[in-house]
Structures are given as structure tokens and as C-alpha cells.
C-alpha atoms as a PDB file:
ATOM      1  CA  MET A   1     -30.944  17.132 -36.620  1.00  0.00           C
ATOM      2  CA  ILE A   2     -29.955  13.829 -35.009  1.00  0.00           C
ATOM      3  CA  PHE A   3     -30.416  10.805 -37.269  1.00  0.00           C
ATOM      4  CA  PRO A   4     -31.440   7.419 -35.792  1.00  0.00           C
ATOM      5  CA  GLN A   5     -27.988   5.929 -36.281  1.00  0.00           C
ATOM      6  CA  ASP A   6     -26.436   8.919 -34.544  1.00  0.00           C
ATOM      7  CA  LEU A   7     -28.888   8.583 -31.662  1.00  0.00           C
ATOM      8  CA  ASN A   8     -28.138   4.886 -31.319  1.00  0.00           C
ATOM      9  CA  SER A   9     -24.412   5.634 -31.258  1.00  0.00           C
ATOM     10  CA  LEU A  10     -24.944   8.333 -28.631  1.00  0.00           C
ATOM     11  CA  LEU A  11     -27.020   6.027 -26.441  1.00  0.00           C
ATOM     12  CA  TYR A  12     -24.449   3.258 -26.821  1.00  0.00           C
ATOM     13  CA  ASN A  13     -21.636   5.581 -25.725  1.00  0.00           C
ATOM     14  CA  ILE A  14     -23.658   6.737 -22.734  1.00  0.00           C
ATOM     15  CA  ARG A  15     -24.357   3.150 -21.676  1.00  0.00           C
ATOM     16  CA  MET A  16     -20.702   2.198 -22.049  1.00  0.00           C
ATOM     17  CA  ARG A  17     -19.637   5.238 -20.011  1.00  0.00           C
ATOM     18  CA  GLU A  18     -22.070   4.310 -17.245  1.00  0.00           C
ATOM     19  CA  ARG A  19     -20.807   0.728 -17.302  1.00  0.00           C
ATOM     20  CA  ARG A  20     -17.188   1.893 -16.987  1.00  0.00           C
ATOM     21  CA  MET A  21     -18.142   4.145 -14.092  1.00  0.00           C
ATOM     22  CA  ARG A  22     -19.947   1.378 -12.214  1.00  0.00           C
ATOM     23  CA  SER A  23     -17.046  -1.036 -12.618  1.00  0.00           C
ATOM     24  CA  SER A  24     -14.242   1.430 -11.827  1.00  0.00           C
ATOM     25  CA  VAL A  25     -12.631   1.453  -8.406  1.00  0.00           C
ATOM     26  CA  ILE A  26     -11.743   4.867  -6.996  1.00  0.00           C
ATOM     27  CA  SER A  27      -8.751   5.177  -4.663  1.00  0.00           C
ATOM     28  CA  VAL A  28      -8.694   8.379  -2.633  1.00  0.00           C
ATOM     29  CA  VAL A  29      -5.188   9.042  -1.308  1.00  0.00           C
ATOM     30  CA  ILE A  30      -4.871  11.520   1.568  1.00  0.00           C
ATOM     31  CA  PRO A  31      -1.361  12.458   2.773  1.00  0.00           C
ATOM     32  CA  ALA A  32      -1.389  13.765   6.340  1.00  0.00           C
ATOM     33  CA  TYR A  33       1.093  15.343   8.701  1.00  0.00           C
ATOM     34  CA  ASN A  34      -0.110  16.660  12.073  1.00  0.00           C
ATOM     35  CA  GLU A  35      -3.683  17.235  10.882  1.00  0.00           C
ATOM     36  CA  ALA A  36      -5.563  15.858  13.887  1.00  0.00           C
ATOM     37  CA  ASN A  37      -7.959  18.829  13.822  1.00  0.00           C
ATOM     38  CA  THR A  38      -9.115  18.227  10.252  1.00  0.00           C
ATOM     39  CA  ILE A  39      -8.396  14.637   9.199  1.00  0.00           C
ATOM     40  CA  GLY A  40     -11.634  13.257  10.672  1.00  0.00           C
ATOM     41  CA  ASP A  41     -13.835  15.683   8.740  1.00  0.00           C
ATOM     42  CA  ILE A  42     -11.907  15.081   5.516  1.00  0.00           C
ATOM     43  CA  ILE A  43     -12.338  11.309   5.744  1.00  0.00           C
ATOM     44  CA  SER A  44     -15.966  11.546   6.838  1.00  0.00           C
ATOM     45  CA  ASN A  45     -16.875  13.903   3.989  1.00  0.00           C
ATOM     46  CA  THR A  46     -14.979  11.738   1.512  1.00  0.00           C
ATOM     47  CA  ILE A  47     -16.916   8.672   2.635  1.00  0.00           C
ATOM     48  CA  SER A  48     -20.231  10.530   2.259  1.00  0.00           C
ATOM     49  CA  THR A  49     -19.324  11.636  -1.251  1.00  0.00           C
ATOM     50  CA  MET A  50     -18.110   8.243  -2.406  1.00  0.00           C
ATOM     51  CA  GLU A  51     -21.139   6.450  -0.949  1.00  0.00           C
ATOM     52  CA  SER A  52     -23.424   8.815  -2.869  1.00  0.00           C
ATOM     53  CA  LEU A  53     -21.640   7.903  -6.115  1.00  0.00           C
ATOM     54  CA  LYS A  54     -22.356   4.208  -5.556  1.00  0.00           C
ATOM     55  CA  MET A  55     -18.980   3.260  -7.010  1.00  0.00           C
ATOM     56  CA  PRO A  56     -16.429   0.892  -5.464  1.00  0.00           C
ATOM     57  CA  TYR A  57     -13.855   2.898  -3.552  1.00  0.00           C
ATOM     58  CA  GLU A  58     -11.121   2.867  -0.961  1.00  0.00           C
ATOM     59  CA  ILE A  59      -9.622   5.617   1.176  1.00  0.00           C
ATOM     60  CA  ILE A  60      -5.896   5.512   1.907  1.00  0.00           C
ATOM     61  CA  VAL A  61      -4.473   7.860   4.522  1.00  0.00           C
ATOM     62  CA  VAL A  62      -0.683   8.091   4.569  1.00  0.00           C
ATOM     63  CA  ASP A  63       0.446   9.426   7.936  1.00  0.00           C
ATOM     64  CA  ASP A  64       3.770  11.141   7.336  1.00  0.00           C
ATOM     65  CA  GLY A  65       5.240  10.713  10.813  1.00  0.00           C
ATOM     66  CA  SER A  66       2.725  12.863  12.678  1.00  0.00           C
ATOM     67  CA  ASN A  67       3.409  13.513  16.358  1.00  0.00           C
ATOM     68  CA  ASP A  68      -0.215  14.304  17.172  1.00  0.00           C
ATOM     69  CA  ASN A  69      -3.338  12.092  17.000  1.00  0.00           C
ATOM     70  CA  THR A  70      -3.676  12.136  13.199  1.00  0.00           C
ATOM     71  CA  ARG A  71      -3.033   8.426  12.773  1.00  0.00           C
ATOM     72  CA  ARG A  72      -5.284   7.359  15.656  1.00  0.00           C
ATOM     73  CA  ILE A  73      -8.183   9.489  14.450  1.00  0.00           C
ATOM     74  CA  ALA A  74      -7.842   8.278  10.853  1.00  0.00           C
ATOM     75  CA  ALA A  75      -7.839   4.645  12.032  1.00  0.00           C
ATOM     76  CA  GLY A  76     -11.300   5.171  13.501  1.00  0.00           C
ATOM     77  CA  TYR A  77     -12.842   5.550  10.047  1.00  0.00           C
ATOM     78  CA  LYS A  78     -13.427   3.320   7.045  1.00  0.00           C
ATOM     79  CA  ALA A  79      -9.925   3.924   5.739  1.00  0.00           C
ATOM     80  CA  THR A  80      -6.615   2.172   5.315  1.00  0.00           C
ATOM     81  CA  VAL A  81      -3.945   3.998   7.299  1.00  0.00           C
ATOM     82  CA  LEU A  82      -0.310   3.683   6.254  1.00  0.00           C
ATOM     83  CA  SER A  83       2.566   5.149   8.238  1.00  0.00           C
ATOM     84  CA  ASN A  84       5.930   6.505   7.129  1.00  0.00           C
ATOM     85  CA  GLY A  85       7.302   6.170  10.658  1.00  0.00           C
ATOM     86  CA  LYS A  86       8.953   9.570  10.406  1.00  0.00           C
ATOM     87  CA  ASN A  87       8.334  12.690   8.385  1.00  0.00           C
ATOM     88  CA  GLN A  88       9.444  11.987   4.796  1.00  0.00           C
ATOM     89  CA  GLY A  89       7.621  14.686   2.826  1.00  0.00           C
ATOM     90  CA  LYS A  90       4.398  15.007   0.869  1.00  0.00           C
ATOM     91  CA  GLY A  91       5.825  13.536  -2.335  1.00  0.00           C
ATOM     92  CA  TYR A  92       7.074  10.472  -0.488  1.00  0.00           C
ATOM     93  CA  ALA A  93       3.694  10.035   1.209  1.00  0.00           C
ATOM     94  CA  LEU A  94       1.764  10.344  -2.049  1.00  0.00           C
ATOM     95  CA  ARG A  95       4.006   7.902  -3.891  1.00  0.00           C
ATOM     96  CA  LYS A  96       3.538   5.382  -1.085  1.00  0.00           C
ATOM     97  CA  GLY A  97      -0.217   5.780  -1.324  1.00  0.00           C
ATOM     98  CA  PHE A  98      -0.102   5.380  -5.106  1.00  0.00           C
ATOM     99  CA  ARG A  99       1.808   2.118  -4.814  1.00  0.00           C
ATOM    100  CA  TYR A 100      -0.747   0.733  -2.402  1.00  0.00           C
ATOM    101  CA  ALA A 101      -3.818   1.923  -4.332  1.00  0.00           C
ATOM    102  CA  ARG A 102      -5.781  -0.709  -6.234  1.00  0.00           C
ATOM    103  CA  GLY A 103      -8.162   1.655  -8.016  1.00  0.00           C
ATOM    104  CA  ASP A 104      -8.437   2.344 -11.731  1.00  0.00           C
ATOM    105  CA  ILE A 105      -8.742   6.015 -10.806  1.00  0.00           C
ATOM    106  CA  ILE A 106      -6.773   7.782  -8.101  1.00  0.00           C
ATOM    107  CA  VAL A 107      -7.858  10.989  -6.402  1.00  0.00           C
ATOM    108  CA  THR A 108      -5.605  13.053  -4.145  1.00  0.00           C
ATOM    109  CA  VAL A 109      -7.040  15.257  -1.391  1.00  0.00           C
ATOM    110  CA  ASP A 110      -5.073  17.391   1.054  1.00  0.00           C
ATOM    111  CA  SER A 111      -5.763  16.731   4.723  1.00  0.00           C
ATOM    112  CA  ASP A 112      -5.578  20.303   6.031  1.00  0.00           C
ATOM    113  CA  GLY A 113      -9.251  21.057   5.408  1.00  0.00           C
ATOM    114  CA  THR A 114      -8.903  23.400   2.434  1.00  0.00           C
ATOM    115  CA  HIS A 115     -10.436  20.971  -0.077  1.00  0.00           C
ATOM    116  CA  LYS A 116     -14.074  19.929  -0.214  1.00  0.00           C
ATOM    117  CA  PRO A 117     -14.465  16.197  -0.913  1.00  0.00           C
ATOM    118  CA  LYS A 118     -17.989  16.823  -2.206  1.00  0.00           C
ATOM    119  CA  GLU A 119     -16.287  18.173  -5.360  1.00  0.00           C
ATOM    120  CA  ILE A 120     -14.575  14.830  -6.132  1.00  0.00           C
ATOM    121  CA  PRO A 121     -17.211  13.967  -8.802  1.00  0.00           C
ATOM    122  CA  ASP A 122     -16.269  17.142 -10.696  1.00  0.00           C
ATOM    123  CA  LEU A 123     -12.728  15.786 -11.011  1.00  0.00           C
ATOM    124  CA  ILE A 124     -13.421  12.164 -11.872  1.00  0.00           C
ATOM    125  CA  ASN A 125     -16.206  12.688 -14.430  1.00  0.00           C
ATOM    126  CA  PRO A 126     -13.860  14.084 -17.135  1.00  0.00           C
ATOM    127  CA  LEU A 127     -11.762  10.907 -16.853  1.00  0.00           C
ATOM    128  CA  PHE A 128     -14.671   8.988 -18.386  1.00  0.00           C
ATOM    129  CA  ASN A 129     -14.780  11.450 -21.266  1.00  0.00           C
ATOM    130  CA  GLY A 130     -11.202  11.380 -22.511  1.00  0.00           C
ATOM    131  CA  ALA A 131      -9.189  13.234 -19.872  1.00  0.00           C
ATOM    132  CA  ASP A 132      -6.101  11.582 -18.362  1.00  0.00           C
ATOM    133  CA  ILE A 133      -5.332  14.037 -15.558  1.00  0.00           C
ATOM    134  CA  VAL A 134      -7.792  16.458 -13.978  1.00  0.00           C
ATOM    135  CA  ALA A 135      -6.552  19.185 -11.646  1.00  0.00           C
ATOM    136  CA  GLY A 136      -8.790  21.174  -9.349  1.00  0.00           C
ATOM    137  CA  SER A 137      -8.026  24.862  -9.828  1.00  0.00           C
ATOM    138  CA  ARG A 138      -8.521  27.422  -7.077  1.00  0.00           C
ATOM    139  CA  PHE A 139      -8.201  30.156  -9.677  1.00  0.00           C
ATOM    140  CA  LEU A 140     -11.099  29.303 -11.965  1.00  0.00           C
ATOM    141  CA  GLY A 141     -14.712  30.265 -11.425  1.00  0.00           C
ATOM    142  CA  ARG A 142     -15.847  31.548  -8.063  1.00  0.00           C
ATOM    143  CA  GLY A 143     -12.910  29.954  -6.262  1.00  0.00           C
ATOM    144  CA  MET A 144     -10.384  32.429  -7.643  1.00  0.00           C
ATOM    145  CA  ASN A 145     -10.511  34.694  -4.579  1.00  0.00           C
ATOM    146  CA  SER A 146     -10.696  31.971  -1.920  1.00  0.00           C
ATOM    147  CA  THR A 147      -6.960  31.449  -1.453  1.00  0.00           C
ATOM    148  CA  SER A 148      -4.432  33.382   0.574  1.00  0.00           C
ATOM    149  CA  ARG A 149      -2.493  36.240  -1.013  1.00  0.00           C
ATOM    150  CA  LEU A 150       0.759  34.358  -0.414  1.00  0.00           C
ATOM    151  CA  HIS A 151      -0.570  31.274  -2.202  1.00  0.00           C
ATOM    152  CA  ARG A 152      -1.771  33.340  -5.156  1.00  0.00           C
ATOM    153  CA  LEU A 153       1.653  34.975  -5.552  1.00  0.00           C
ATOM    154  CA  GLY A 154       3.632  31.743  -5.181  1.00  0.00           C
ATOM    155  CA  ASN A 155       1.339  29.832  -7.494  1.00  0.00           C
ATOM    156  CA  SER A 156       1.642  32.518 -10.178  1.00  0.00           C
ATOM    157  CA  LEU A 157       5.420  32.185 -10.169  1.00  0.00           C
ATOM    158  CA  PHE A 158       5.199  28.405 -10.530  1.00  0.00           C
ATOM    159  CA  ASN A 159       2.627  28.765 -13.309  1.00  0.00           C
ATOM    160  CA  ILE A 160       4.953  31.019 -15.287  1.00  0.00           C
ATOM    161  CA  THR A 161       7.801  28.540 -14.862  1.00  0.00           C
ATOM    162  CA  ILE A 162       5.632  25.661 -16.040  1.00  0.00           C
ATOM    163  CA  THR A 163       4.496  27.611 -19.092  1.00  0.00           C
ATOM    164  CA  ILE A 164       8.163  28.140 -19.991  1.00  0.00           C
ATOM    165  CA  LEU A 165       8.952  24.429 -19.482  1.00  0.00           C
ATOM    166  CA  THR A 166       5.921  23.016 -21.296  1.00  0.00           C
ATOM    167  CA  GLY A 167       4.623  25.764 -23.557  1.00  0.00           C
ATOM    168  CA  LYS A 168       1.170  25.264 -22.023  1.00  0.00           C
ATOM    169  CA  ARG A 169      -0.780  27.437 -19.629  1.00  0.00           C
ATOM    170  CA  VAL A 170      -2.204  26.207 -16.346  1.00  0.00           C
ATOM    171  CA  THR A 171      -3.960  28.264 -13.703  1.00  0.00           C
ATOM    172  CA  ASP A 172      -3.124  26.208 -10.602  1.00  0.00           C
ATOM    173  CA  SER A 173       0.031  24.132 -10.918  1.00  0.00           C
ATOM    174  CA  GLN A 174       0.301  23.574  -7.164  1.00  0.00           C
ATOM    175  CA  THR A 175      -3.107  22.127  -6.450  1.00  0.00           C
ATOM    176  CA  GLY A 176      -3.211  18.996  -4.308  1.00  0.00           C
ATOM    177  CA  PHE A 177      -6.756  18.122  -5.385  1.00  0.00           C
ATOM    178  CA  ARG A 178      -6.460  15.959  -8.520  1.00  0.00           C
ATOM    179  CA  ALA A 179      -7.746  12.852 -10.260  1.00  0.00           C
ATOM    180  CA  PHE A 180      -5.755  10.509 -12.511  1.00  0.00           C
ATOM    181  CA  LYS A 181      -6.114   7.330 -14.471  1.00  0.00           C
ATOM    182  CA  LYS A 182      -3.865   4.869 -12.673  1.00  0.00           C
ATOM    183  CA  GLN A 183      -1.965   3.757 -15.765  1.00  0.00           C
ATOM    184  CA  VAL A 184      -1.180   7.386 -16.560  1.00  0.00           C
ATOM    185  CA  LEU A 185       0.061   8.044 -13.051  1.00  0.00           C
ATOM    186  CA  ARG A 186       2.336   5.005 -13.184  1.00  0.00           C
ATOM    187  CA  SER A 187       3.917   6.194 -16.423  1.00  0.00           C
ATOM    188  CA  LEU A 188       4.936   9.524 -14.860  1.00  0.00           C
ATOM    189  CA  ASN A 189       7.610   7.782 -12.729  1.00  0.00           C
ATOM    190  CA  LEU A 190       7.389  10.328  -9.933  1.00  0.00           C
ATOM    191  CA  GLU A 191      10.526  10.930  -7.862  1.00  0.00           C
ATOM    192  CA  SER A 192       9.782  13.964  -5.662  1.00  0.00           C
ATOM    193  CA  LEU A 193       9.937  13.717  -1.892  1.00  0.00           C
ATOM    194  CA  GLY A 194       8.403  17.039  -0.877  1.00  0.00           C
ATOM    195  CA  TYR A 195       5.857  19.589  -2.062  1.00  0.00           C
ATOM    196  CA  GLU A 196       7.617  19.823  -5.411  1.00  0.00           C
ATOM    197  CA  VAL A 197       5.644  16.715  -6.332  1.00  0.00           C
ATOM    198  CA  GLU A 198       2.802  19.006  -7.472  1.00  0.00           C
ATOM    199  CA  THR A 199       5.086  20.660 -10.031  1.00  0.00           C
ATOM    200  CA  GLU A 200       6.498  17.296 -11.130  1.00  0.00           C
ATOM    201  CA  ILE A 201       3.024  15.885 -11.764  1.00  0.00           C
ATOM    202  CA  THR A 202       1.982  18.939 -13.761  1.00  0.00           C
ATOM    203  CA  VAL A 203       5.146  19.187 -15.886  1.00  0.00           C
ATOM    204  CA  LYS A 204       5.430  15.466 -16.638  1.00  0.00           C
ATOM    205  CA  GLY A 205       1.735  15.206 -17.384  1.00  0.00           C
ATOM    206  CA  LEU A 206       1.880  18.061 -19.890  1.00  0.00           C
ATOM    207  CA  ASN A 207       5.193  17.069 -21.481  1.00  0.00           C
ATOM    208  CA  ASN A 208       4.146  13.460 -22.017  1.00  0.00           C
ATOM    209  CA  GLY A 209       1.126  14.416 -24.072  1.00  0.00           C
ATOM    210  CA  PHE A 210      -1.574  13.346 -21.649  1.00  0.00           C
ATOM    211  CA  THR A 211      -4.934  15.064 -21.816  1.00  0.00           C
ATOM    212  CA  PHE A 212      -4.832  17.552 -18.957  1.00  0.00           C
ATOM    213  CA  GLN A 213      -7.904  19.429 -17.748  1.00  0.00           C
ATOM    214  CA  GLU A 214      -8.524  21.921 -14.984  1.00  0.00           C
ATOM    215  CA  LYS A 215     -11.832  22.179 -13.163  1.00  0.00           C
ATOM    216  CA  PRO A 216     -12.815  24.965 -10.775  1.00  0.00           C
ATOM    217  CA  ILE A 217     -12.848  24.054  -7.098  1.00  0.00           C
ATOM    218  CA  SER A 218     -13.687  26.021  -3.974  1.00  0.00           C
ATOM    219  CA  CYS A 219     -11.696  26.212  -0.773  1.00  0.00           C
ATOM    220  CA  ASN A 220     -12.603  26.247   2.892  1.00  0.00           C
ATOM    221  CA  GLU A 221     -12.697  29.966   3.675  1.00  0.00           C
ATOM    222  CA  LYS A 222     -12.099  29.457   7.416  1.00  0.00           C
ATOM    223  CA  LYS A 223      -8.892  27.583   6.657  1.00  0.00           C
ATOM    224  CA  ILE A 224      -7.773  30.325   4.274  1.00  0.00           C
ATOM    225  CA  GLN A 225      -8.385  32.957   6.961  1.00  0.00           C
ATOM    226  CA  GLN A 226      -6.173  30.972   9.341  1.00  0.00           C
ATOM    227  CA  LEU A 227      -3.403  30.952   6.729  1.00  0.00           C
ATOM    228  CA  GLU A 228      -3.739  34.707   6.257  1.00  0.00           C
ATOM    229  CA  THR A 229      -3.221  35.467   9.970  1.00  0.00           C
END
């Protein structure tokens, strides 16, 4: 049974949560290196998703020294495009995007077409309910079989290592689809230059006592098939 005072408290919390959501700015950071074939769709789908949420947002594409048309294509959309000049690595590109981001919440999306921006709300919603870091897992729910065999094997090895380092279990330590509170991200003091940034984020997030959640995500099956061949 819910008593009137409990109901009033519940309604108050709901209203405050909605107010925080409306006033929060979302920064979507997309690192890209030679992804001319997919970057347009990723940005376009991200815009559609963010517009549907009716929340203030920005999209930041960090071109990591691409030698194709990635930067030119990205510049044709409602996005801020930063350039590293030359290839510096995913970690370097992400950290540059983080420094530029003005949002209270930061979302990272890979530019190779494997992630589905329509799932961004699934990652940011837990941040308004106590989570500090939310990682999209390809190995939860129906998404568990939508990754390449090589990725499943490599990810399992990293997961075991992270369990040893942190004493906590994660199902997808290498995911590039995440959401963070900005102040939490700043406190991690990231240093990685390459793909090891995913491991650094996971380990530092767990070891520093932040509330870490995983949410199931799906992957683009056509992209996975290309990786398999």
C-alpha cells in the first residue's frame, strides 16, 4: 500500500528527474578514422534520436587523421568536426572530444556502423537514476550473438583480466557505446592513446567506486558479417 506522503514523495522525485532531464545537455562524441561509408548514417541517426528526446544536445565528431572523405561528409551535418591532423589513436580522439564537450552527460558512439544511435536513451536514462557510468553490452539480452567470433574471444580475455584487477564482473569491457556524467569522466584522468582506452575507462570507473551499469545493446548485423569475412 502506498500512503499519501509516499505518493507525494514519488511524484516529487519524478518531477525533479524530468526537470533534470530537460535541463541537461547531452554531448555525443564520435571518434572517426576512415569511416566515410558509415559516418553520415551514424550522425543522421544520432540527430534523429536526440531530436526525439527534446533535450539540448551537441554532436562532436573527432576525425583522427582520415585520408578519405570522413571529415568532409561529417561537416555536412549538424555536428562540430574536430581534426587531429594525423592519426593519433582512438583514446587520443576521445579525450579531445571530451575536452571540447560542454554537456552534463557525454555519450560515446563508434563511427563504423556497429552501434545503433536509437539506443542512446537506454544508456542515458540510468544516469538520472543514480548511475555514474553506463556501458552498452553486446553480450546481454538478444545482442549476445550479434558480434564476431574474434570479438567475443578477445572481449572474454579482457573481461577476465578486469575481474582480476577490480574484483567485479563485466560482460563487455571493450564496448565503445557508453554514457557518463561529465564530472565522473573528468575524475578518471584518462591517459590512453589507442583502443586500450576502453579498458582504462572500465577499470578506473570500477576501482574508483562509481556506480557502473551495463545495458544490453544490439549491433548492426551487416557490419558484423563484414568483420567475419
